[in-house]
Every structure is written in structure tokens, then in C-alpha cells.
Amino acid sequence: MTAAPPNRCPLPQNLALVGIVFAQQAFVFDPPANGLGLTTTNSGHGLITNVR
């Protein structure tokens, strides 16, 4: 597994968010892939580390 560079996005300044772990995955419209016409991305996970 390789480490990805950190992504930054604005969040409310709320210390209750620090330490939250989250997962993400997307469905992509891909008609020739299968009968449903969908494929999925690899999953990713993240950790909220600090609030500035």
C-alpha cells in the first residue's frame, strides 16, 4: 500500500471532528462494464487530524 499526499478541505472549526475516521468510494457510470452499467472505484480512507 502506498501513501498518498494529504488532501485538504475546509471544515468547521470544531474540535469534536478531530480523530474521526471516514471512508469513501464512488460509483462510475460505465455502460459496457456489466449489466448494471456501473463500476466502483477503489476505496479510500481518511483521518481528520487537526483544526486550524
PDB file of N, CA and C in Angstrom:
ATOM      1  N   MET A   1       0.851  -1.175   0.000  1.00  0.00           N
ATOM      2  CA  MET A   1       0.000   0.000   0.000  1.00  0.00           C
ATOM      3  C   MET A   1       0.892   1.233   0.000  1.00  0.00           C
ATOM      4  N   THR A   2       0.571   2.193  -0.835  1.00  0.00           N
ATOM      5  CA  THR A   2       1.359   3.414  -0.899  1.00  0.00           C
ATOM      6  C   THR A   2       0.617   4.547  -0.216  1.00  0.00           C
ATOM      7  N   ALA A   3       1.361   5.442   0.329  1.00  0.00           N
ATOM      8  CA  ALA A   3       0.762   6.599   0.995  1.00  0.00           C
ATOM      9  C   ALA A   3       0.497   7.693  -0.032  1.00  0.00           C
ATOM     10  N   ALA A   4      -0.634   8.310   0.080  1.00  0.00           N
ATOM     11  CA  ALA A   4      -0.988   9.418  -0.805  1.00  0.00           C
ATOM     12  C   ALA A   4      -0.726  10.730  -0.078  1.00  0.00           C
ATOM     13  N   PRO A   5      -0.469  11.795  -0.821  1.00  0.00           N
ATOM     14  CA  PRO A   5      -0.289  13.082  -0.156  1.00  0.00           C
ATOM     15  C   PRO A   5      -1.591  13.517   0.500  1.00  0.00           C
ATOM     16  N   PRO A   6      -1.506  14.268   1.568  1.00  0.00           N
ATOM     17  CA  PRO A   6      -2.731  14.690   2.252  1.00  0.00           C
ATOM     18  C   PRO A   6      -3.589  15.595   1.375  1.00  0.00           C
ATOM     19  N   ASN A   7      -4.865  15.386   1.444  1.00  0.00           N
ATOM     20  CA  ASN A   7      -5.820  16.280   0.782  1.00  0.00           C
ATOM     21  C   ASN A   7      -6.364  17.225   1.830  1.00  0.00           C
ATOM     22  N   ARG A   8      -6.555  18.433   1.437  1.00  0.00           N
ATOM     23  CA  ARG A   8      -7.059  19.419   2.391  1.00  0.00           C
ATOM     24  C   ARG A   8      -8.406  19.935   1.903  1.00  0.00           C
ATOM     25  N   CYS A   9      -9.336  20.059   2.835  1.00  0.00           N
ATOM     26  CA  CYS A   9     -10.630  20.646   2.516  1.00  0.00           C
ATOM     27  C   CYS A   9     -11.114  21.420   3.736  1.00  0.00           C
ATOM     28  N   PRO A  10     -11.828  22.494   3.521  1.00  0.00           N
ATOM     29  CA  PRO A  10     -12.280  23.307   4.654  1.00  0.00           C
ATOM     30  C   PRO A  10     -13.334  22.562   5.478  1.00  0.00           C
ATOM     31  N   LEU A  11     -13.173  22.615   6.780  1.00  0.00           N
ATOM     32  CA  LEU A  11     -14.129  22.029   7.717  1.00  0.00           C
ATOM     33  C   LEU A  11     -14.444  23.069   8.779  1.00  0.00           C
ATOM     34  N   PRO A  12     -15.586  22.944   9.426  1.00  0.00           N
ATOM     35  CA  PRO A  12     -15.888  23.861  10.525  1.00  0.00           C
ATOM     36  C   PRO A  12     -14.854  23.706  11.640  1.00  0.00           C
ATOM     37  N   GLN A  13     -14.549  24.780  12.317  1.00  0.00           N
ATOM     38  CA  GLN A  13     -13.594  24.709  13.418  1.00  0.00           C
ATOM     39  C   GLN A  13     -14.297  24.131  14.642  1.00  0.00           C
ATOM     40  N   ASN A  14     -14.263  22.800  14.707  1.00  0.00           N
ATOM     41  CA  ASN A  14     -14.941  22.086  15.778  1.00  0.00           C
ATOM     42  C   ASN A  14     -14.025  20.964  16.238  1.00  0.00           C
ATOM     43  N   LEU A  15     -13.523  21.046  17.455  1.00  0.00           N
ATOM     44  CA  LEU A  15     -12.595  20.039  17.962  1.00  0.00           C
ATOM     45  C   LEU A  15     -13.224  18.652  18.053  1.00  0.00           C
ATOM     46  N   ALA A  16     -14.534  18.556  18.051  1.00  0.00           N
ATOM     47  CA  ALA A  16     -15.196  17.251  18.097  1.00  0.00           C
ATOM     48  C   ALA A  16     -14.936  16.454  16.819  1.00  0.00           C
ATOM     49  N   LEU A  17     -14.512  17.112  15.735  1.00  0.00           N
ATOM     50  CA  LEU A  17     -14.238  16.420  14.472  1.00  0.00           C
ATOM     51  C   LEU A  17     -12.872  15.746  14.452  1.00  0.00           C
ATOM     52  N   VAL A  18     -11.944  16.195  15.297  1.00  0.00           N
ATOM     53  CA  VAL A  18     -10.587  15.648  15.295  1.00  0.00           C
ATOM     54  C   VAL A  18     -10.634  14.180  15.697  1.00  0.00           C
ATOM     55  N   GLY A  19      -9.964  13.340  14.913  1.00  0.00           N
ATOM     56  CA  GLY A  19      -9.904  11.911  15.202  1.00  0.00           C
ATOM     57  C   GLY A  19     -10.942  11.077  14.477  1.00  0.00           C
ATOM     58  N   ILE A  20     -11.841  11.718  13.754  1.00  0.00           N
ATOM     59  CA  ILE A  20     -12.860  10.974  13.016  1.00  0.00           C
ATOM     60  C   ILE A  20     -12.212  10.296  11.810  1.00  0.00           C
ATOM     61  N   VAL A  21     -12.499   9.017  11.653  1.00  0.00           N
ATOM     62  CA  VAL A  21     -12.024   8.243  10.513  1.00  0.00           C
ATOM     63  C   VAL A  21     -13.207   8.095   9.557  1.00  0.00           C
ATOM     64  N   PHE A  22     -12.958   8.247   8.259  1.00  0.00           N
ATOM     65  CA  PHE A  22     -14.041   8.121   7.293  1.00  0.00           C
ATOM     66  C   PHE A  22     -13.569   7.329   6.084  1.00  0.00           C
ATOM     67  N   ALA A  23     -14.520   6.774   5.364  1.00  0.00           N
ATOM     68  CA  ALA A  23     -14.235   6.007   4.152  1.00  0.00           C
ATOM     69  C   ALA A  23     -14.941   6.664   2.980  1.00  0.00           C
ATOM     70  N   GLN A  24     -14.412   6.423   1.777  1.00  0.00           N
ATOM     71  CA  GLN A  24     -15.041   6.978   0.582  1.00  0.00           C
ATOM     72  C   GLN A  24     -14.877   6.007  -0.578  1.00  0.00           C
ATOM     73  N   GLN A  25     -15.859   5.996  -1.429  1.00  0.00           N
ATOM     74  CA  GLN A  25     -15.839   5.178  -2.634  1.00  0.00           C
ATOM     75  C   GLN A  25     -16.874   5.759  -3.578  1.00  0.00           C
ATOM     76  N   ALA A  26     -16.660   5.611  -4.874  1.00  0.00           N
ATOM     77  CA  ALA A  26     -17.581   6.183  -5.850  1.00  0.00           C
ATOM     78  C   ALA A  26     -18.053   5.122  -6.832  1.00  0.00           C
ATOM     79  N   PHE A  27     -19.264   5.304  -7.326  1.00  0.00           N
ATOM     80  CA  PHE A  27     -19.791   4.505  -8.424  1.00  0.00           C
ATOM     81  C   PHE A  27     -19.650   5.321  -9.697  1.00  0.00           C
ATOM     82  N   VAL A  28     -19.192   4.677 -10.760  1.00  0.00           N
ATOM     83  CA  VAL A  28     -18.945   5.367 -12.020  1.00  0.00           C
ATOM     84  C   VAL A  28     -19.838   4.765 -13.094  1.00  0.00           C
ATOM     85  N   PHE A  29     -20.494   5.619 -13.862  1.00  0.00           N
ATOM     86  CA  PHE A  29     -21.345   5.184 -14.966  1.00  0.00           C
ATOM     87  C   PHE A  29     -20.451   4.603 -16.062  1.00  0.00           C
ATOM     88  N   ASP A  30     -20.630   3.314 -16.367  1.00  0.00           N
ATOM     89  CA  ASP A  30     -19.785   2.624 -17.351  1.00  0.00           C
ATOM     90  C   ASP A  30     -20.627   1.546 -18.047  1.00  0.00           C
ATOM     91  N   PRO A  31     -21.457   1.948 -19.018  1.00  0.00           N
ATOM     92  CA  PRO A  31     -22.403   1.018 -19.636  1.00  0.00           C
ATOM     93  C   PRO A  31     -21.810  -0.293 -20.154  1.00  0.00           C
ATOM     94  N   PRO A  32     -20.638  -0.322 -20.800  1.00  0.00           N
ATOM     95  CA  PRO A  32     -20.148  -1.602 -21.308  1.00  0.00           C
ATOM     96  C   PRO A  32     -19.559  -2.526 -20.231  1.00  0.00           C
ATOM     97  N   ALA A  33     -19.420  -2.048 -19.010  1.00  0.00           N
ATOM     98  CA  ALA A  33     -18.744  -2.836 -17.972  1.00  0.00           C
ATOM     99  C   ALA A  33     -19.536  -4.065 -17.550  1.00  0.00           C
ATOM    100  N   ASN A  34     -20.841  -3.915 -17.372  1.00  0.00           N
ATOM    101  CA  ASN A  34     -21.659  -5.017 -16.877  1.00  0.00           C
ATOM    102  C   ASN A  34     -23.132  -4.694 -17.100  1.00  0.00           C
ATOM    103  N   GLY A  35     -24.006  -5.576 -16.651  1.00  0.00           N
ATOM    104  CA  GLY A  35     -25.444  -5.394 -16.854  1.00  0.00           C
ATOM    105  C   GLY A  35     -26.017  -4.167 -16.166  1.00  0.00           C
ATOM    106  N   LEU A  36     -25.434  -3.770 -15.050  1.00  0.00           N
ATOM    107  CA  LEU A  36     -25.924  -2.576 -14.346  1.00  0.00           C
ATOM    108  C   LEU A  36     -25.371  -1.287 -14.932  1.00  0.00           C
ATOM    109  N   GLY A  37     -24.283  -1.381 -15.679  1.00  0.00           N
ATOM    110  CA  GLY A  37     -23.676  -0.185 -16.256  1.00  0.00           C
ATOM    111  C   GLY A  37     -22.907   0.644 -15.249  1.00  0.00           C
ATOM    112  N   LEU A  38     -22.455   0.004 -14.159  1.00  0.00           N
ATOM    113  CA  LEU A  38     -21.716   0.716 -13.117  1.00  0.00           C
ATOM    114  C   LEU A  38     -20.438  -0.018 -12.766  1.00  0.00           C
ATOM    115  N   THR A  39     -19.427   0.733 -12.416  1.00  0.00           N
ATOM    116  CA  THR A  39     -18.224   0.177 -11.802  1.00  0.00           C
ATOM    117  C   THR A  39     -17.944   0.995 -10.550  1.00  0.00           C
ATOM    118  N   THR A  40     -17.064   0.495  -9.717  1.00  0.00           N
ATOM    119  CA  THR A  40     -16.723   1.215  -8.496  1.00  0.00           C
ATOM    120  C   THR A  40     -15.238   1.549  -8.484  1.00  0.00           C
ATOM    121  N   THR A  41     -14.909   2.612  -7.794  1.00  0.00           N
ATOM    122  CA  THR A  41     -13.510   2.980  -7.595  1.00  0.00           C
ATOM    123  C   THR A  41     -12.953   2.164  -6.443  1.00  0.00           C
ATOM    124  N   ASN A  42     -11.655   2.201  -6.289  1.00  0.00           N
ATOM    125  CA  ASN A  42     -11.055   1.624  -5.091  1.00  0.00           C
ATOM    126  C   ASN A  42     -11.505   2.464  -3.898  1.00  0.00           C
ATOM    127  N   SER A  43     -11.586   1.834  -2.757  1.00  0.00           N
ATOM    128  CA  SER A  43     -11.995   2.589  -1.573  1.00  0.00           C
ATOM    129  C   SER A  43     -10.809   3.378  -1.035  1.00  0.00           C
ATOM    130  N   GLY A  44     -11.118   4.392  -0.312  1.00  0.00           N
ATOM    131  CA  GLY A  44     -10.097   5.195   0.335  1.00  0.00           C
ATOM    132  C   GLY A  44     -10.535   5.491   1.756  1.00  0.00           C
ATOM    133  N   HIS A  45      -9.607   5.864   2.578  1.00  0.00           N
ATOM    134  CA  HIS A  45      -9.978   6.234   3.948  1.00  0.00           C
ATOM    135  C   HIS A  45      -9.209   7.484   4.346  1.00  0.00           C
ATOM    136  N   GLY A  46      -9.731   8.144   5.325  1.00  0.00           N
ATOM    137  CA  GLY A  46      -9.102   9.370   5.786  1.00  0.00           C
ATOM    138  C   GLY A  46      -9.244   9.540   7.281  1.00  0.00           C
ATOM    139  N   LEU A  47      -8.483  10.447   7.812  1.00  0.00           N
ATOM    140  CA  LEU A  47      -8.489  10.754   9.244  1.00  0.00           C
ATOM    141  C   LEU A  47      -8.420  12.267   9.385  1.00  0.00           C
ATOM    142  N   ILE A  48      -9.312  12.824  10.172  1.00  0.00           N
ATOM    143  CA  ILE A  48      -9.272  14.261  10.454  1.00  0.00           C
ATOM    144  C   ILE A  48      -8.284  14.458  11.587  1.00  0.00           C
ATOM    145  N   THR A  49      -7.197  15.195  11.313  1.00  0.00           N
ATOM    146  CA  THR A  49      -6.106  15.263  12.278  1.00  0.00           C
ATOM    147  C   THR A  49      -6.015  16.542  13.093  1.00  0.00           C
ATOM    148  N   ASN A  50      -6.429  17.663  12.532  1.00  0.00           N
ATOM    149  CA  ASN A  50      -6.357  18.895  13.330  1.00  0.00           C
ATOM    150  C   ASN A  50      -7.316  19.931  12.759  1.00  0.00           C
ATOM    151  N   VAL A  51      -7.579  20.921  13.575  1.00  0.00           N
ATOM    152  CA  VAL A  51      -8.473  22.010  13.171  1.00  0.00           C
ATOM    153  C   VAL A  51      -7.686  23.298  13.328  1.00  0.00           C
ATOM    154  N   ARG A  52      -7.706  24.129  12.280  1.00  0.00           N
ATOM    155  CA  ARG A  52      -6.983  25.407  12.358  1.00  0.00           C
ATOM    156  C   ARG A  52      -7.940  26.553  12.270  1.00  0.00           C
TER     157      ARG A  52
END
